[in-house]
Amino acid sequence: MPDKTLDQKIEDALIAMTNTTGVINQGDIDGVVANVTAQHNMEKASERGDHAGSDSAEPTYVVRKDDTLTAIARLYSTTPEKIAAANKIKNINEIKEGQVLDMSFAIAL
């Protein structure tokens, strides 16, 4: 079976999120698209052996305006506490726009 296209991966992730949470908003959609696209691009770069611009191909999430660890956790089928622990965040309510989170321990939906 051939690899899924980016559009198929995004569709699968949105369906999974809808099935998990019941309702999604534009911020959730934007986050899914951005993160699935980034993960897809990292996979393609890894297949080519192209790691230019990064020390690793580890999955990351860049915090967007109005993101919460709870919402991000839903995208990755994990908990805010696990994200906080992996990223040495002391207060799960204090994340900043532009902050890069290591999500290598989690699986994106």
C-alpha atoms as a PDB file:
ATOM      1  CA  MET A   1       0.000   0.000   0.000  1.00  0.00           C
ATOM      2  CA  PRO A   2       1.468   3.401  -0.952  1.00  0.00           C
ATOM      3  CA  ASP A   3       2.212   6.041   1.654  1.00  0.00           C
ATOM      4  CA  LYS A   4      -0.650   8.339   2.520  1.00  0.00           C
ATOM      5  CA  THR A   5      -0.633  11.795   1.021  1.00  0.00           C
ATOM      6  CA  LEU A   6      -0.421  14.825   3.272  1.00  0.00           C
ATOM      7  CA  ASP A   7      -4.113  15.548   2.659  1.00  0.00           C
ATOM      8  CA  GLN A   8      -5.034  12.001   3.693  1.00  0.00           C
ATOM      9  CA  LYS A   9      -2.958  12.307   6.866  1.00  0.00           C
ATOM     10  CA  ILE A  10      -4.620  15.623   7.747  1.00  0.00           C
ATOM     11  CA  GLU A  11      -8.071  14.173   7.089  1.00  0.00           C
ATOM     12  CA  ASP A  12      -7.312  11.138   9.266  1.00  0.00           C
ATOM     13  CA  ALA A  13      -6.038  13.368  12.083  1.00  0.00           C
ATOM     14  CA  LEU A  14      -9.113  15.611  11.948  1.00  0.00           C
ATOM     15  CA  ILE A  15     -11.452  12.619  11.965  1.00  0.00           C
ATOM     16  CA  ALA A  16      -9.595  11.096  14.914  1.00  0.00           C
ATOM     17  CA  MET A  17      -9.738  14.374  16.818  1.00  0.00           C
ATOM     18  CA  THR A  18     -13.457  14.779  16.120  1.00  0.00           C
ATOM     19  CA  ASN A  19     -14.103  11.212  17.257  1.00  0.00           C
ATOM     20  CA  THR A  20     -12.072  11.832  20.426  1.00  0.00           C
ATOM     21  CA  THR A  21     -13.351  15.266  21.434  1.00  0.00           C
ATOM     22  CA  GLY A  22     -16.687  15.500  19.630  1.00  0.00           C
ATOM     23  CA  VAL A  23     -16.188  19.119  18.630  1.00  0.00           C
ATOM     24  CA  ILE A  24     -13.246  20.958  17.120  1.00  0.00           C
ATOM     25  CA  ASN A  25     -12.739  24.642  16.417  1.00  0.00           C
ATOM     26  CA  GLN A  26     -10.675  26.535  13.860  1.00  0.00           C
ATOM     27  CA  GLY A  27      -7.713  26.707  16.243  1.00  0.00           C
ATOM     28  CA  ASP A  28      -7.769  22.916  16.575  1.00  0.00           C
ATOM     29  CA  ILE A  29      -7.923  22.535  12.792  1.00  0.00           C
ATOM     30  CA  ASP A  30      -5.056  24.980  12.265  1.00  0.00           C
ATOM     31  CA  GLY A  31      -2.975  23.163  14.879  1.00  0.00           C
ATOM     32  CA  VAL A  32      -3.640  19.757  13.314  1.00  0.00           C
ATOM     33  CA  VAL A  33      -2.778  21.015   9.828  1.00  0.00           C
ATOM     34  CA  ALA A  34       0.433  22.676  11.035  1.00  0.00           C
ATOM     35  CA  ASN A  35       1.598  19.697  13.058  1.00  0.00           C
ATOM     36  CA  VAL A  36       0.658  16.978  10.574  1.00  0.00           C
ATOM     37  CA  THR A  37       2.354  19.001   7.837  1.00  0.00           C
ATOM     38  CA  ALA A  38       5.497  19.405   9.942  1.00  0.00           C
ATOM     39  CA  GLN A  39       5.543  15.703  10.810  1.00  0.00           C
ATOM     40  CA  HIS A  40       4.973  14.763   7.145  1.00  0.00           C
ATOM     41  CA  ASN A  41       7.781  17.063   6.027  1.00  0.00           C
ATOM     42  CA  MET A  42      10.144  15.595   8.642  1.00  0.00           C
ATOM     43  CA  GLU A  43       9.305  12.074   7.463  1.00  0.00           C
ATOM     44  CA  LYS A  44       9.975  13.016   3.839  1.00  0.00           C
ATOM     45  CA  ALA A  45      13.230  14.766   4.778  1.00  0.00           C
ATOM     46  CA  SER A  46      14.288  11.713   6.774  1.00  0.00           C
ATOM     47  CA  GLU A  47      13.536   9.437   3.814  1.00  0.00           C
ATOM     48  CA  ARG A  48      15.806  11.630   1.672  1.00  0.00           C
ATOM     49  CA  GLY A  49      18.450  11.744   4.388  1.00  0.00           C
ATOM     50  CA  ASP A  50      17.994  15.518   4.537  1.00  0.00           C
ATOM     51  CA  HIS A  51      18.327  16.891   8.056  1.00  0.00           C
ATOM     52  CA  ALA A  52      19.479  20.376   7.092  1.00  0.00           C
ATOM     53  CA  GLY A  53      18.467  22.992   9.591  1.00  0.00           C
ATOM     54  CA  SER A  54      17.866  20.616  12.462  1.00  0.00           C
ATOM     55  CA  ASP A  55      19.947  18.491  14.761  1.00  0.00           C
ATOM     56  CA  SER A  56      17.313  15.780  14.784  1.00  0.00           C
ATOM     57  CA  ALA A  57      14.062  14.725  13.197  1.00  0.00           C
ATOM     58  CA  GLU A  58      12.284  14.664  16.558  1.00  0.00           C
ATOM     59  CA  PRO A  59       8.653  15.792  16.476  1.00  0.00           C
ATOM     60  CA  THR A  60       8.023  19.186  17.975  1.00  0.00           C
ATOM     61  CA  TYR A  61       5.023  21.431  18.436  1.00  0.00           C
ATOM     62  CA  VAL A  62       5.276  25.210  18.238  1.00  0.00           C
ATOM     63  CA  VAL A  63       2.836  26.853  20.656  1.00  0.00           C
ATOM     64  CA  ARG A  64       0.380  29.168  18.959  1.00  0.00           C
ATOM     65  CA  LYS A  65      -1.596  32.075  20.371  1.00  0.00           C
ATOM     66  CA  ASP A  66      -4.305  30.848  22.754  1.00  0.00           C
ATOM     67  CA  ASP A  67      -2.963  27.255  22.833  1.00  0.00           C
ATOM     68  CA  THR A  68      -3.255  25.310  26.067  1.00  0.00           C
ATOM     69  CA  LEU A  69      -1.426  22.163  27.079  1.00  0.00           C
ATOM     70  CA  THR A  70      -4.809  20.475  27.376  1.00  0.00           C
ATOM     71  CA  ALA A  71      -5.645  21.227  23.728  1.00  0.00           C
ATOM     72  CA  ILE A  72      -2.172  20.210  22.576  1.00  0.00           C
ATOM     73  CA  ALA A  73      -2.435  16.999  24.597  1.00  0.00           C
ATOM     74  CA  ARG A  74      -5.654  16.117  22.748  1.00  0.00           C
ATOM     75  CA  LEU A  75      -3.807  16.471  19.427  1.00  0.00           C
ATOM     76  CA  TYR A  76      -1.216  13.976  20.600  1.00  0.00           C
ATOM     77  CA  SER A  77      -3.412  11.595  22.577  1.00  0.00           C
ATOM     78  CA  THR A  78      -1.541  12.331  25.797  1.00  0.00           C
ATOM     79  CA  THR A  79      -1.962  14.432  28.935  1.00  0.00           C
ATOM     80  CA  PRO A  80      -0.905  17.982  29.760  1.00  0.00           C
ATOM     81  CA  GLU A  81       1.106  16.583  32.663  1.00  0.00           C
ATOM     82  CA  LYS A  82       3.158  14.322  30.364  1.00  0.00           C
ATOM     83  CA  ILE A  83       3.888  17.221  28.011  1.00  0.00           C
ATOM     84  CA  ALA A  84       4.892  19.367  30.974  1.00  0.00           C
ATOM     85  CA  ALA A  85       7.183  16.658  32.351  1.00  0.00           C
ATOM     86  CA  ALA A  86       8.846  16.043  28.974  1.00  0.00           C
ATOM     87  CA  ASN A  87       9.452  19.767  28.532  1.00  0.00           C
ATOM     88  CA  LYS A  88      10.297  20.677  32.137  1.00  0.00           C
ATOM     89  CA  ILE A  89       7.264  22.967  32.411  1.00  0.00           C
ATOM     90  CA  LYS A  90       6.490  23.681  36.056  1.00  0.00           C
ATOM     91  CA  ASN A  91       3.019  25.199  35.596  1.00  0.00           C
ATOM     92  CA  ILE A  92       0.810  23.626  32.914  1.00  0.00           C
ATOM     93  CA  ASN A  93      -1.086  26.913  32.614  1.00  0.00           C
ATOM     94  CA  GLU A  94       2.013  28.886  31.620  1.00  0.00           C
ATOM     95  CA  ILE A  95       3.126  28.274  28.062  1.00  0.00           C
ATOM     96  CA  LYS A  96       4.111  30.993  25.621  1.00  0.00           C
ATOM     97  CA  GLU A  97       3.382  31.602  21.969  1.00  0.00           C
ATOM     98  CA  GLY A  98       6.384  30.449  19.939  1.00  0.00           C
ATOM     99  CA  GLN A  99       7.560  28.010  22.612  1.00  0.00           C
ATOM    100  CA  VAL A 100       8.801  24.773  21.031  1.00  0.00           C
ATOM    101  CA  LEU A 101       7.627  21.614  22.766  1.00  0.00           C
ATOM    102  CA  ASP A 102       9.335  18.246  22.408  1.00  0.00           C
ATOM    103  CA  MET A 103       6.603  15.809  21.429  1.00  0.00           C
ATOM    104  CA  SER A 104       8.833  12.858  20.555  1.00  0.00           C
ATOM    105  CA  PHE A 105       7.212  10.779  23.306  1.00  0.00           C
ATOM    106  CA  ALA A 106       3.708  11.158  21.861  1.00  0.00           C
ATOM    107  CA  ILE A 107       1.875  10.167  18.702  1.00  0.00           C
ATOM    108  CA  ALA A 108       0.068  12.882  16.747  1.00  0.00           C
ATOM    109  CA  LEU A 109      -3.539  12.109  15.872  1.00  0.00           C
END
